[in-house]
Amino acid sequence: MLHLLQATEILADSTLASSTEKLAAVGEDIASGNVRLDQVITQLITWSMEMGRHIIAAIVVYFIGYYIIKFINYLLATMLERRKVEVSVQTFVKSFVGILLKVLLIITVVGTLGVNTTSFAALLASFGVAIGMALSGNLQNFAGGIVILFLKPYKVGDWIEAQGTAGTVQAIQIFHTILLTADGKQIFVPNGSMSSGNIINYTLTPSRLCEWVIGVEYGEDVEKARQTALDILKADSRVLSEPAPVVMLKELNSSSVDLVIRCWVENDNYWGVMFATREKIYNAFNTKGISFPFPQVTVHQA
């Protein structure tokens, strides 16, 4: 009976680890014949009810915590927007706070199950050290994100080129910068490489240079071709008058005389002017009889 009383006291404990040990002790008592089966069943029912209470409480805590986290994230986003915090900072802060709150929720749920949170926190700290050593690259990315937010080489909405890719900055998260390419692809670039590598930001300046290299045949009137290209640029209201558009002879190639055509436009008009002007030059040169060169091979029969 002494073993039974000890088993009863153990099974009444609230922690999952101790309850497992008690079940093992009860099992030994059953094997040795010191405890009646009906008494063991009674204690198992008591233990199951106790554990069920912890599990139900943990589930309730999880769902309540989940909605509380959503509400806190909503309040945080609203506060940042009302204070007109830069979008890049908003995405970084919301990502960081969201991860931190989820970790706290996990610890709370584990504590509700009856696990000693002090021991769990110590174990989590040990795991944190090990994971930190294994994920040193992510820590570098986290530090890179902070550097980007302070130095601001780019922000959300900028068109940049970095790490062999180009796109519009959609978000700056704690580990990655999300770029949206011109063909609709999302690219996640590590913040560590973004903070230490070369970045070309096309949005920081209000205007941008458009450049075309057009070849004409040898023997064509270069001045006529130059004036035709200038007329096209001057007729386009999107082309800035300062700096003035220029057309210059760039190179005498093996089969063409190459003209370089340059003008400045506002950032928003860059691609429209690039494509439209190329088509206008082609049509205008054909209309005025200015020939474009193309590769030719002359074969002499012996």
C-alpha atoms as a PDB file:
ATOM      1  CA  MET A   1       0.000   0.000   0.000  1.00  0.00           C
ATOM      2  CA  LEU A   2       2.924   2.301   0.590  1.00  0.00           C
ATOM      3  CA  HIS A   3       3.800   2.035  -3.072  1.00  0.00           C
ATOM      4  CA  LEU A   4       0.211   2.843  -4.034  1.00  0.00           C
ATOM      5  CA  LEU A   5       0.157   5.997  -1.888  1.00  0.00           C
ATOM      6  CA  GLN A   6       3.431   7.093  -3.442  1.00  0.00           C
ATOM      7  CA  ALA A   7       2.065   6.426  -6.922  1.00  0.00           C
ATOM      8  CA  THR A   8      -1.094   8.404  -6.118  1.00  0.00           C
ATOM      9  CA  GLU A   9       0.898  11.362  -4.873  1.00  0.00           C
ATOM     10  CA  ILE A  10       3.136  11.292  -7.918  1.00  0.00           C
ATOM     11  CA  LEU A  11       0.295  10.991 -10.427  1.00  0.00           C
ATOM     12  CA  ALA A  12      -1.398  14.052  -8.879  1.00  0.00           C
ATOM     13  CA  ASP A  13       1.595  16.199  -9.844  1.00  0.00           C
ATOM     14  CA  SER A  14       1.002  18.750 -12.637  1.00  0.00           C
ATOM     15  CA  THR A  15       4.148  18.350 -14.660  1.00  0.00           C
ATOM     16  CA  LEU A  16       4.434  16.123 -17.676  1.00  0.00           C
ATOM     17  CA  ALA A  17       7.930  14.901 -16.858  1.00  0.00           C
ATOM     18  CA  SER A  18       7.113  13.847 -13.287  1.00  0.00           C
ATOM     19  CA  SER A  19       3.910  12.175 -14.411  1.00  0.00           C
ATOM     20  CA  THR A  20       5.873  10.020 -16.823  1.00  0.00           C
ATOM     21  CA  GLU A  21       8.160   8.906 -14.018  1.00  0.00           C
ATOM     22  CA  LYS A  22       5.153   8.044 -11.861  1.00  0.00           C
ATOM     23  CA  LEU A  23       3.626   5.920 -14.561  1.00  0.00           C
ATOM     24  CA  ALA A  24       6.866   3.997 -14.744  1.00  0.00           C
ATOM     25  CA  ALA A  25       6.802   3.503 -10.956  1.00  0.00           C
ATOM     26  CA  VAL A  26       3.207   2.307 -11.064  1.00  0.00           C
ATOM     27  CA  GLY A  27       4.121  -0.081 -13.832  1.00  0.00           C
ATOM     28  CA  GLU A  28       6.839  -1.570 -11.661  1.00  0.00           C
ATOM     29  CA  ASP A  29       4.343  -1.945  -8.798  1.00  0.00           C
ATOM     30  CA  ILE A  30       1.902  -3.747 -11.054  1.00  0.00           C
ATOM     31  CA  ALA A  31       4.626  -6.072 -12.229  1.00  0.00           C
ATOM     32  CA  SER A  32       5.618  -6.871  -8.642  1.00  0.00           C
ATOM     33  CA  GLY A  33       2.007  -7.424  -7.547  1.00  0.00           C
ATOM     34  CA  ASN A  34       2.035  -4.696  -4.885  1.00  0.00           C
ATOM     35  CA  VAL A  35      -0.837  -2.718  -6.418  1.00  0.00           C
ATOM     36  CA  ARG A  36      -4.336  -3.826  -7.451  1.00  0.00           C
ATOM     37  CA  LEU A  37      -5.340  -3.250 -11.052  1.00  0.00           C
ATOM     38  CA  ASP A  38      -8.526  -1.308 -10.184  1.00  0.00           C
ATOM     39  CA  GLN A  39      -6.501   1.103  -8.059  1.00  0.00           C
ATOM     40  CA  VAL A  40      -4.081   1.651 -10.925  1.00  0.00           C
ATOM     41  CA  ILE A  41      -6.944   2.310 -13.342  1.00  0.00           C
ATOM     42  CA  THR A  42      -8.357   4.870 -10.929  1.00  0.00           C
ATOM     43  CA  GLN A  43      -5.027   6.631 -10.716  1.00  0.00           C
ATOM     44  CA  LEU A  44      -4.618   6.524 -14.506  1.00  0.00           C
ATOM     45  CA  ILE A  45      -8.019   8.158 -14.902  1.00  0.00           C
ATOM     46  CA  THR A  46      -7.008  10.830 -12.392  1.00  0.00           C
ATOM     47  CA  TRP A  47      -3.732  11.424 -14.230  1.00  0.00           C
ATOM     48  CA  SER A  48      -5.501  11.566 -17.616  1.00  0.00           C
ATOM     49  CA  MET A  49      -7.976  14.120 -16.330  1.00  0.00           C
ATOM     50  CA  GLU A  50      -5.148  16.198 -14.895  1.00  0.00           C
ATOM     51  CA  MET A  51      -3.165  16.085 -18.123  1.00  0.00           C
ATOM     52  CA  GLY A  52      -6.303  16.756 -20.148  1.00  0.00           C
ATOM     53  CA  ARG A  53      -6.870  19.881 -18.099  1.00  0.00           C
ATOM     54  CA  HIS A  54      -3.320  21.046 -18.898  1.00  0.00           C
ATOM     55  CA  ILE A  55      -3.691  20.262 -22.588  1.00  0.00           C
ATOM     56  CA  ILE A  56      -7.039  22.074 -22.869  1.00  0.00           C
ATOM     57  CA  ALA A  57      -5.579  25.046 -20.988  1.00  0.00           C
ATOM     58  CA  ALA A  58      -2.565  25.086 -23.334  1.00  0.00           C
ATOM     59  CA  ILE A  59      -4.849  25.043 -26.386  1.00  0.00           C
ATOM     60  CA  VAL A  60      -6.925  27.902 -24.975  1.00  0.00           C
ATOM     61  CA  VAL A  61      -3.775  29.886 -24.144  1.00  0.00           C
ATOM     62  CA  TYR A  62      -2.443  29.302 -27.659  1.00  0.00           C
ATOM     63  CA  PHE A  63      -5.562  30.600 -29.415  1.00  0.00           C
ATOM     64  CA  ILE A  64      -5.938  33.544 -27.051  1.00  0.00           C
ATOM     65  CA  GLY A  65      -2.252  34.383 -27.487  1.00  0.00           C
ATOM     66  CA  TYR A  66      -2.569  34.028 -31.258  1.00  0.00           C
ATOM     67  CA  TYR A  67      -5.349  36.623 -31.434  1.00  0.00           C
ATOM     68  CA  ILE A  68      -3.566  38.881 -28.943  1.00  0.00           C
ATOM     69  CA  ILE A  69      -0.468  38.800 -31.181  1.00  0.00           C
ATOM     70  CA  LYS A  70      -2.601  39.705 -34.206  1.00  0.00           C
ATOM     71  CA  PHE A  71      -4.129  42.591 -32.254  1.00  0.00           C
ATOM     72  CA  ILE A  72      -0.706  43.838 -31.095  1.00  0.00           C
ATOM     73  CA  ASN A  73       0.623  43.637 -34.663  1.00  0.00           C
ATOM     74  CA  TYR A  74      -2.409  45.632 -35.842  1.00  0.00           C
ATOM     75  CA  LEU A  75      -1.870  48.281 -33.168  1.00  0.00           C
ATOM     76  CA  LEU A  76       1.833  48.453 -33.998  1.00  0.00           C
ATOM     77  CA  ALA A  77       1.166  48.827 -37.723  1.00  0.00           C
ATOM     78  CA  THR A  78      -1.457  51.518 -37.055  1.00  0.00           C
ATOM     79  CA  MET A  79       0.880  53.440 -34.748  1.00  0.00           C
ATOM     80  CA  LEU A  80       3.754  53.319 -37.236  1.00  0.00           C
ATOM     81  CA  GLU A  81       1.505  54.510 -40.065  1.00  0.00           C
ATOM     82  CA  ARG A  82       0.024  57.357 -38.004  1.00  0.00           C
ATOM     83  CA  ARG A  83       3.496  58.551 -37.081  1.00  0.00           C
ATOM     84  CA  LYS A  84       4.448  58.295 -40.763  1.00  0.00           C
ATOM     85  CA  VAL A  85       7.428  56.063 -40.065  1.00  0.00           C
ATOM     86  CA  GLU A  86       9.300  55.103 -43.218  1.00  0.00           C
ATOM     87  CA  VAL A  87       7.898  51.966 -44.840  1.00  0.00           C
ATOM     88  CA  SER A  88      11.289  50.234 -44.716  1.00  0.00           C
ATOM     89  CA  VAL A  89      11.421  50.673 -40.928  1.00  0.00           C
ATOM     90  CA  GLN A  90       7.799  49.550 -40.592  1.00  0.00           C
ATOM     91  CA  THR A  91       8.386  46.217 -42.335  1.00  0.00           C
ATOM     92  CA  PHE A  92      11.545  45.548 -40.311  1.00  0.00           C
ATOM     93  CA  VAL A  93       9.962  46.380 -36.924  1.00  0.00           C
ATOM     94  CA  LYS A  94       6.777  44.404 -37.626  1.00  0.00           C
ATOM     95  CA  SER A  95       8.782  41.354 -38.696  1.00  0.00           C
ATOM     96  CA  PHE A  96      11.009  41.514 -35.598  1.00  0.00           C
ATOM     97  CA  VAL A  97       8.144  42.061 -33.117  1.00  0.00           C
ATOM     98  CA  GLY A  98       6.091  39.284 -34.723  1.00  0.00           C
ATOM     99  CA  ILE A  99       8.866  36.704 -34.278  1.00  0.00           C
ATOM    100  CA  LEU A 100       9.544  37.836 -30.691  1.00  0.00           C
ATOM    101  CA  LEU A 101       5.859  37.544 -29.702  1.00  0.00           C
ATOM    102  CA  LYS A 102       5.588  34.070 -31.235  1.00  0.00           C
ATOM    103  CA  VAL A 103       8.594  32.876 -29.198  1.00  0.00           C
ATOM    104  CA  LEU A 104       6.992  34.240 -26.010  1.00  0.00           C
ATOM    105  CA  LEU A 105       3.730  32.489 -26.910  1.00  0.00           C
ATOM    106  CA  ILE A 106       5.523  29.150 -27.310  1.00  0.00           C
ATOM    107  CA  ILE A 107       7.173  29.541 -23.903  1.00  0.00           C
ATOM    108  CA  THR A 108       3.795  30.386 -22.319  1.00  0.00           C
ATOM    109  CA  VAL A 109       2.100  27.359 -23.894  1.00  0.00           C
ATOM    110  CA  VAL A 110       4.884  25.055 -22.726  1.00  0.00           C
ATOM    111  CA  GLY A 111       4.574  26.489 -19.201  1.00  0.00           C
ATOM    112  CA  THR A 112       0.806  25.869 -19.267  1.00  0.00           C
ATOM    113  CA  LEU A 113       1.458  22.201 -20.063  1.00  0.00           C
ATOM    114  CA  GLY A 114       3.253  21.968 -16.726  1.00  0.00           C
ATOM    115  CA  VAL A 115       6.852  22.031 -17.917  1.00  0.00           C
ATOM    116  CA  ASN A 116       9.162  24.025 -15.666  1.00  0.00           C
ATOM    117  CA  THR A 117       9.656  27.227 -17.643  1.00  0.00           C
ATOM    118  CA  THR A 118      12.847  28.077 -15.741  1.00  0.00           C
ATOM    119  CA  SER A 119      14.476  24.881 -16.909  1.00  0.00           C
ATOM    120  CA  PHE A 120      12.921  25.341 -20.306  1.00  0.00           C
ATOM    121  CA  ALA A 121      14.303  28.877 -20.559  1.00  0.00           C
ATOM    122  CA  ALA A 122      17.770  27.616 -19.608  1.00  0.00           C
ATOM    123  CA  LEU A 123      17.464  24.864 -22.198  1.00  0.00           C
ATOM    124  CA  LEU A 124      16.228  27.395 -24.749  1.00  0.00           C
ATOM    125  CA  ALA A 125      19.210  29.635 -23.977  1.00  0.00           C
ATOM    126  CA  SER A 126      21.572  26.709 -24.529  1.00  0.00           C
ATOM    127  CA  PHE A 127      19.871  25.914 -27.785  1.00  0.00           C
ATOM    128  CA  GLY A 128      20.038  29.604 -28.664  1.00  0.00           C
ATOM    129  CA  VAL A 129      23.805  29.627 -28.281  1.00  0.00           C
ATOM    130  CA  ALA A 130      24.160  26.510 -30.406  1.00  0.00           C
ATOM    131  CA  ILE A 131      21.720  27.754 -33.023  1.00  0.00           C
ATOM    132  CA  GLY A 132      23.405  31.167 -33.007  1.00  0.00           C
ATOM    133  CA  MET A 133      26.742  29.541 -33.833  1.00  0.00           C
ATOM    134  CA  ALA A 134      25.140  27.414 -36.533  1.00  0.00           C
ATOM    135  CA  LEU A 135      23.187  30.338 -37.982  1.00  0.00           C
ATOM    136  CA  SER A 136      25.894  32.965 -37.811  1.00  0.00           C
ATOM    137  CA  GLY A 137      25.005  33.942 -41.350  1.00  0.00           C
ATOM    138  CA  ASN A 138      21.471  34.859 -40.293  1.00  0.00           C
ATOM    139  CA  LEU A 139      22.847  36.934 -37.429  1.00  0.00           C
ATOM    140  CA  GLN A 140      24.949  38.730 -40.018  1.00  0.00           C
ATOM    141  CA  ASN A 141      21.794  39.277 -42.064  1.00  0.00           C
ATOM    142  CA  PHE A 142      20.028  40.686 -38.995  1.00  0.00           C
ATOM    143  CA  ALA A 143      22.891  43.119 -38.386  1.00  0.00           C
ATOM    144  CA  GLY A 144      22.863  43.969 -42.095  1.00  0.00           C
ATOM    145  CA  GLY A 145      19.170  44.840 -41.880  1.00  0.00           C
ATOM    146  CA  ILE A 146      19.864  47.271 -39.042  1.00  0.00           C
ATOM    147  CA  VAL A 147      22.713  48.844 -41.051  1.00  0.00           C
ATOM    148  CA  ILE A 148      20.403  49.262 -44.049  1.00  0.00           C
ATOM    149  CA  LEU A 149      17.735  50.968 -41.923  1.00  0.00           C
ATOM    150  CA  PHE A 150      20.242  53.429 -40.467  1.00  0.00           C
ATOM    151  CA  LEU A 151      22.303  54.208 -43.586  1.00  0.00           C
ATOM    152  CA  LYS A 152      19.318  53.964 -45.970  1.00  0.00           C
ATOM    153  CA  PRO A 153      21.057  53.080 -49.247  1.00  0.00           C
ATOM    154  CA  TYR A 154      17.555  52.179 -50.443  1.00  0.00           C
ATOM    155  CA  LYS A 155      13.979  52.101 -49.131  1.00  0.00           C
ATOM    156  CA  VAL A 156      10.709  50.418 -49.989  1.00  0.00           C
ATOM    157  CA  GLY A 157       9.590  51.440 -53.471  1.00  0.00           C
ATOM    158  CA  ASP A 158      13.098  52.096 -54.865  1.00  0.00           C
ATOM    159  CA  TRP A 159      14.297  50.392 -58.040  1.00  0.00           C
ATOM    160  CA  ILE A 160      17.737  48.963 -57.293  1.00  0.00           C
ATOM    161  CA  GLU A 161      20.308  46.620 -58.769  1.00  0.00           C
ATOM    162  CA  ALA A 162      22.345  44.462 -56.383  1.00  0.00           C
ATOM    163  CA  GLN A 163      23.792  40.960 -56.066  1.00  0.00           C
ATOM    164  CA  GLY A 164      23.237  40.222 -59.747  1.00  0.00           C
ATOM    165  CA  THR A 165      19.533  41.099 -59.760  1.00  0.00           C
ATOM    166  CA  ALA A 166      17.362  44.174 -60.211  1.00  0.00           C
ATOM    167  CA  GLY A 167      13.883  45.046 -59.014  1.00  0.00           C
ATOM    168  CA  THR A 168      11.622  47.208 -56.882  1.00  0.00           C
ATOM    169  CA  VAL A 169      12.136  46.940 -53.113  1.00  0.00           C
ATOM    170  CA  GLN A 170       8.937  45.457 -51.658  1.00  0.00           C
ATOM    171  CA  ALA A 171      10.001  44.948 -48.034  1.00  0.00           C
ATOM    172  CA  ILE A 172      13.041  45.020 -45.760  1.00  0.00           C
ATOM    173  CA  GLN A 173      12.647  42.160 -43.280  1.00  0.00           C
ATOM    174  CA  ILE A 174      14.941  41.175 -40.412  1.00  0.00           C
ATOM    175  CA  PHE A 175      16.913  38.709 -42.539  1.00  0.00           C
ATOM    176  CA  HIS A 176      16.078  39.483 -46.183  1.00  0.00           C
ATOM    177  CA  THR A 177      15.226  42.268 -48.591  1.00  0.00           C
ATOM    178  CA  ILE A 178      12.401  41.324 -50.959  1.00  0.00           C
ATOM    179  CA  LEU A 179      12.744  42.545 -54.558  1.00  0.00           C
ATOM    180  CA  LEU A 180      10.036  42.414 -57.228  1.00  0.00           C
ATOM    181  CA  THR A 181      11.578  42.029 -60.687  1.00  0.00           C
ATOM    182  CA  ALA A 182      10.181  43.544 -63.871  1.00  0.00           C
ATOM    183  CA  ASP A 183       8.705  40.155 -64.870  1.00  0.00           C
ATOM    184  CA  GLY A 184       6.855  39.722 -61.561  1.00  0.00           C
ATOM    185  CA  LYS A 185       9.267  37.467 -59.652  1.00  0.00           C
ATOM    186  CA  GLN A 186       9.963  37.900 -55.942  1.00  0.00           C
ATOM    187  CA  ILE A 187      13.634  37.591 -54.967  1.00  0.00           C
ATOM    188  CA  PHE A 188      14.787  37.295 -51.343  1.00  0.00           C
ATOM    189  CA  VAL A 189      18.275  38.787 -51.021  1.00  0.00           C
ATOM    190  CA  PRO A 190      20.150  38.356 -47.678  1.00  0.00           C
ATOM    191  CA  ASN A 191      20.598  41.649 -45.825  1.00  0.00           C
ATOM    192  CA  GLY A 192      24.212  40.773 -44.981  1.00  0.00           C
ATOM    193  CA  SER A 193      25.289  40.797 -48.614  1.00  0.00           C
ATOM    194  CA  MET A 194      23.102  43.834 -49.341  1.00  0.00           C
ATOM    195  CA  SER A 195      24.760  45.872 -46.587  1.00  0.00           C
ATOM    196  CA  SER A 196      28.308  44.979 -47.667  1.00  0.00           C
ATOM    197  CA  GLY A 197      27.981  44.722 -51.460  1.00  0.00           C
ATOM    198  CA  ASN A 198      27.558  47.183 -54.314  1.00  0.00           C
ATOM    199  CA  ILE A 199      24.073  48.656 -54.731  1.00  0.00           C
ATOM    200  CA  ILE A 200      22.863  50.714 -57.686  1.00  0.00           C
ATOM    201  CA  ASN A 201      19.835  52.805 -56.715  1.00  0.00           C
ATOM    202  CA  TYR A 202      18.069  54.278 -59.742  1.00  0.00           C
ATOM    203  CA  THR A 203      15.425  56.101 -57.689  1.00  0.00           C
ATOM    204  CA  LEU A 204      17.544  58.363 -55.502  1.00  0.00           C
ATOM    205  CA  THR A 205      18.019  60.898 -58.314  1.00  0.00           C
ATOM    206  CA  PRO A 206      14.934  62.460 -59.974  1.00  0.00           C
ATOM    207  CA  SER A 207      16.155  61.958 -63.561  1.00  0.00           C
ATOM    208  CA  ARG A 208      17.878  59.242 -65.549  1.00  0.00           C
ATOM    209  CA  LEU A 209      19.939  59.058 -68.747  1.00  0.00           C
ATOM    210  CA  CYS A 210      18.545  57.301 -71.822  1.00  0.00           C
ATOM    211  CA  GLU A 211      21.097  56.148 -74.385  1.00  0.00           C
ATOM    212  CA  TRP A 212      20.831  54.463 -77.778  1.00  0.00           C
ATOM    213  CA  VAL A 213      23.557  53.411 -80.214  1.00  0.00           C
ATOM    214  CA  ILE A 214      22.249  53.506 -83.797  1.00  0.00           C
ATOM    215  CA  GLY A 215      24.319  52.394 -86.802  1.00  0.00           C
ATOM    216  CA  VAL A 216      23.934  53.802 -90.315  1.00  0.00           C
ATOM    217  CA  GLU A 217      25.598  52.711 -93.525  1.00  0.00           C
ATOM    218  CA  TYR A 218      28.836  54.215 -94.768  1.00  0.00           C
ATOM    219  CA  GLY A 219      28.095  56.978 -97.239  1.00  0.00           C
ATOM    220  CA  GLU A 220      24.975  58.209 -95.427  1.00  0.00           C
ATOM    221  CA  ASP A 221      24.678  61.848 -94.418  1.00  0.00           C
ATOM    222  CA  VAL A 222      25.655  61.771 -90.729  1.00  0.00           C
ATOM    223  CA  GLU A 223      24.397  65.316 -90.136  1.00  0.00           C
ATOM    224  CA  LYS A 224      21.012  64.406 -91.586  1.00  0.00           C
ATOM    225  CA  ALA A 225      20.795  61.370 -89.283  1.00  0.00           C
ATOM    226  CA  ARG A 226      21.848  63.485 -86.283  1.00  0.00           C
ATOM    227  CA  GLN A 227      19.234  66.167 -86.961  1.00  0.00           C
ATOM    228  CA  THR A 228      16.512  63.556 -87.479  1.00  0.00           C
ATOM    229  CA  ALA A 229      17.257  61.983 -84.096  1.00  0.00           C
ATOM    230  CA  LEU A 230      17.349  65.394 -82.381  1.00  0.00           C
ATOM    231  CA  ASP A 231      13.983  66.341 -83.877  1.00  0.00           C
ATOM    232  CA  ILE A 232      12.469  63.142 -82.490  1.00  0.00           C
ATOM    233  CA  LEU A 233      13.797  63.874 -79.000  1.00  0.00           C
ATOM    234  CA  LYS A 234      12.724  67.521 -79.000  1.00  0.00           C
ATOM    235  CA  ALA A 235       9.207  66.564 -80.091  1.00  0.00           C
ATOM    236  CA  ASP A 236       8.784  64.283 -77.071  1.00  0.00           C
ATOM    237  CA  SER A 237       7.494  66.244 -74.052  1.00  0.00           C
ATOM    238  CA  ARG A 238       8.897  63.614 -71.677  1.00  0.00           C
ATOM    239  CA  VAL A 239      12.475  64.429 -72.701  1.00  0.00           C
ATOM    240  CA  LEU A 240      14.038  67.072 -70.454  1.00  0.00           C
ATOM    241  CA  SER A 241      15.453  70.202 -72.079  1.00  0.00           C
ATOM    242  CA  GLU A 242      18.193  70.450 -69.417  1.00  0.00           C
ATOM    243  CA  PRO A 243      20.581  68.772 -69.867  1.00  0.00           C
ATOM    244  CA  ALA A 244      19.937  69.114 -73.597  1.00  0.00           C
ATOM    245  CA  PRO A 245      19.718  65.968 -75.786  1.00  0.00           C
ATOM    246  CA  VAL A 246      22.846  65.185 -77.814  1.00  0.00           C
ATOM    247  CA  VAL A 247      23.656  63.026 -80.846  1.00  0.00           C
ATOM    248  CA  MET A 248      27.319  62.288 -81.535  1.00  0.00           C
ATOM    249  CA  LEU A 249      29.341  60.042 -83.800  1.00  0.00           C
ATOM    250  CA  LYS A 250      30.571  57.321 -81.505  1.00  0.00           C
ATOM    251  CA  GLU A 251      32.536  54.879 -83.630  1.00  0.00           C
ATOM    252  CA  LEU A 252      33.454  53.887 -87.177  1.00  0.00           C
ATOM    253  CA  ASN A 253      32.715  50.189 -87.089  1.00  0.00           C
ATOM    254  CA  SER A 254      33.654  47.593 -89.666  1.00  0.00           C
ATOM    255  CA  SER A 255      30.276  47.804 -91.415  1.00  0.00           C
ATOM    256  CA  SER A 256      28.511  50.806 -89.838  1.00  0.00           C
ATOM    257  CA  VAL A 257      28.867  54.365 -88.641  1.00  0.00           C
ATOM    258  CA  ASP A 258      27.614  54.317 -85.059  1.00  0.00           C
ATOM    259  CA  LEU A 259      25.779  57.292 -83.572  1.00  0.00           C
ATOM    260  CA  VAL A 260      25.191  57.607 -79.820  1.00  0.00           C
ATOM    261  CA  ILE A 261      21.948  59.355 -78.855  1.00  0.00           C
ATOM    262  CA  ARG A 262      21.491  60.612 -75.283  1.00  0.00           C
ATOM    263  CA  CYS A 263      18.798  62.452 -73.374  1.00  0.00           C
ATOM    264  CA  TRP A 264      17.583  62.839 -69.799  1.00  0.00           C
ATOM    265  CA  VAL A 265      14.103  61.913 -68.586  1.00  0.00           C
ATOM    266  CA  GLU A 266      12.318  61.616 -65.259  1.00  0.00           C
ATOM    267  CA  ASN A 267      12.589  58.226 -63.588  1.00  0.00           C
ATOM    268  CA  ASP A 268       8.942  57.345 -64.163  1.00  0.00           C
ATOM    269  CA  ASN A 269       9.269  57.962 -67.910  1.00  0.00           C
ATOM    270  CA  TYR A 270      12.491  56.001 -68.463  1.00  0.00           C
ATOM    271  CA  TRP A 271      11.169  52.768 -69.970  1.00  0.00           C
ATOM    272  CA  GLY A 272       8.443  54.463 -71.986  1.00  0.00           C
ATOM    273  CA  VAL A 273      10.934  56.820 -73.647  1.00  0.00           C
ATOM    274  CA  MET A 274      13.467  54.028 -74.214  1.00  0.00           C
ATOM    275  CA  PHE A 275      11.086  51.816 -76.195  1.00  0.00           C
ATOM    276  CA  ALA A 276       9.103  54.541 -77.974  1.00  0.00           C
ATOM    277  CA  THR A 277      12.144  56.500 -79.162  1.00  0.00           C
ATOM    278  CA  ARG A 278      13.818  53.408 -80.621  1.00  0.00           C
ATOM    279  CA  GLU A 279      10.720  52.735 -82.712  1.00  0.00           C
ATOM    280  CA  LYS A 280      10.430  56.398 -83.776  1.00  0.00           C
ATOM    281  CA  ILE A 281      14.059  56.445 -84.938  1.00  0.00           C
ATOM    282  CA  TYR A 282      13.559  53.311 -87.005  1.00  0.00           C
ATOM    283  CA  ASN A 283      10.459  54.697 -88.736  1.00  0.00           C
ATOM    284  CA  ALA A 284      11.938  58.194 -89.287  1.00  0.00           C
ATOM    285  CA  PHE A 285      15.219  56.877 -90.760  1.00  0.00           C
ATOM    286  CA  ASN A 286      13.303  54.630 -93.186  1.00  0.00           C
ATOM    287  CA  THR A 287      11.046  57.518 -94.197  1.00  0.00           C
ATOM    288  CA  LYS A 288      14.019  59.800 -94.926  1.00  0.00           C
ATOM    289  CA  GLY A 289      15.977  57.092 -96.734  1.00  0.00           C
ATOM    290  CA  ILE A 290      18.685  56.668 -94.117  1.00  0.00           C
ATOM    291  CA  SER A 291      19.810  53.060 -94.446  1.00  0.00           C
ATOM    292  CA  PHE A 292      20.670  50.751 -91.560  1.00  0.00           C
ATOM    293  CA  PRO A 293      23.633  48.422 -92.107  1.00  0.00           C
ATOM    294  CA  PHE A 294      23.395  44.671 -91.799  1.00  0.00           C
ATOM    295  CA  PRO A 295      26.072  41.959 -92.074  1.00  0.00           C
ATOM    296  CA  GLN A 296      26.843  40.994 -95.662  1.00  0.00           C
ATOM    297  CA  VAL A 297      29.153  38.368 -97.132  1.00  0.00           C
ATOM    298  CA  THR A 298      30.562  38.745-100.676  1.00  0.00           C
ATOM    299  CA  VAL A 299      31.611  35.453-102.344  1.00  0.00           C
ATOM    300  CA  HIS A 300      33.994  35.570-105.312  1.00  0.00           C
ATOM    301  CA  GLN A 301      34.047  32.517-107.586  1.00  0.00           C
ATOM    302  CA  ALA A 302      37.520  31.603-108.777  1.00  0.00           C
END
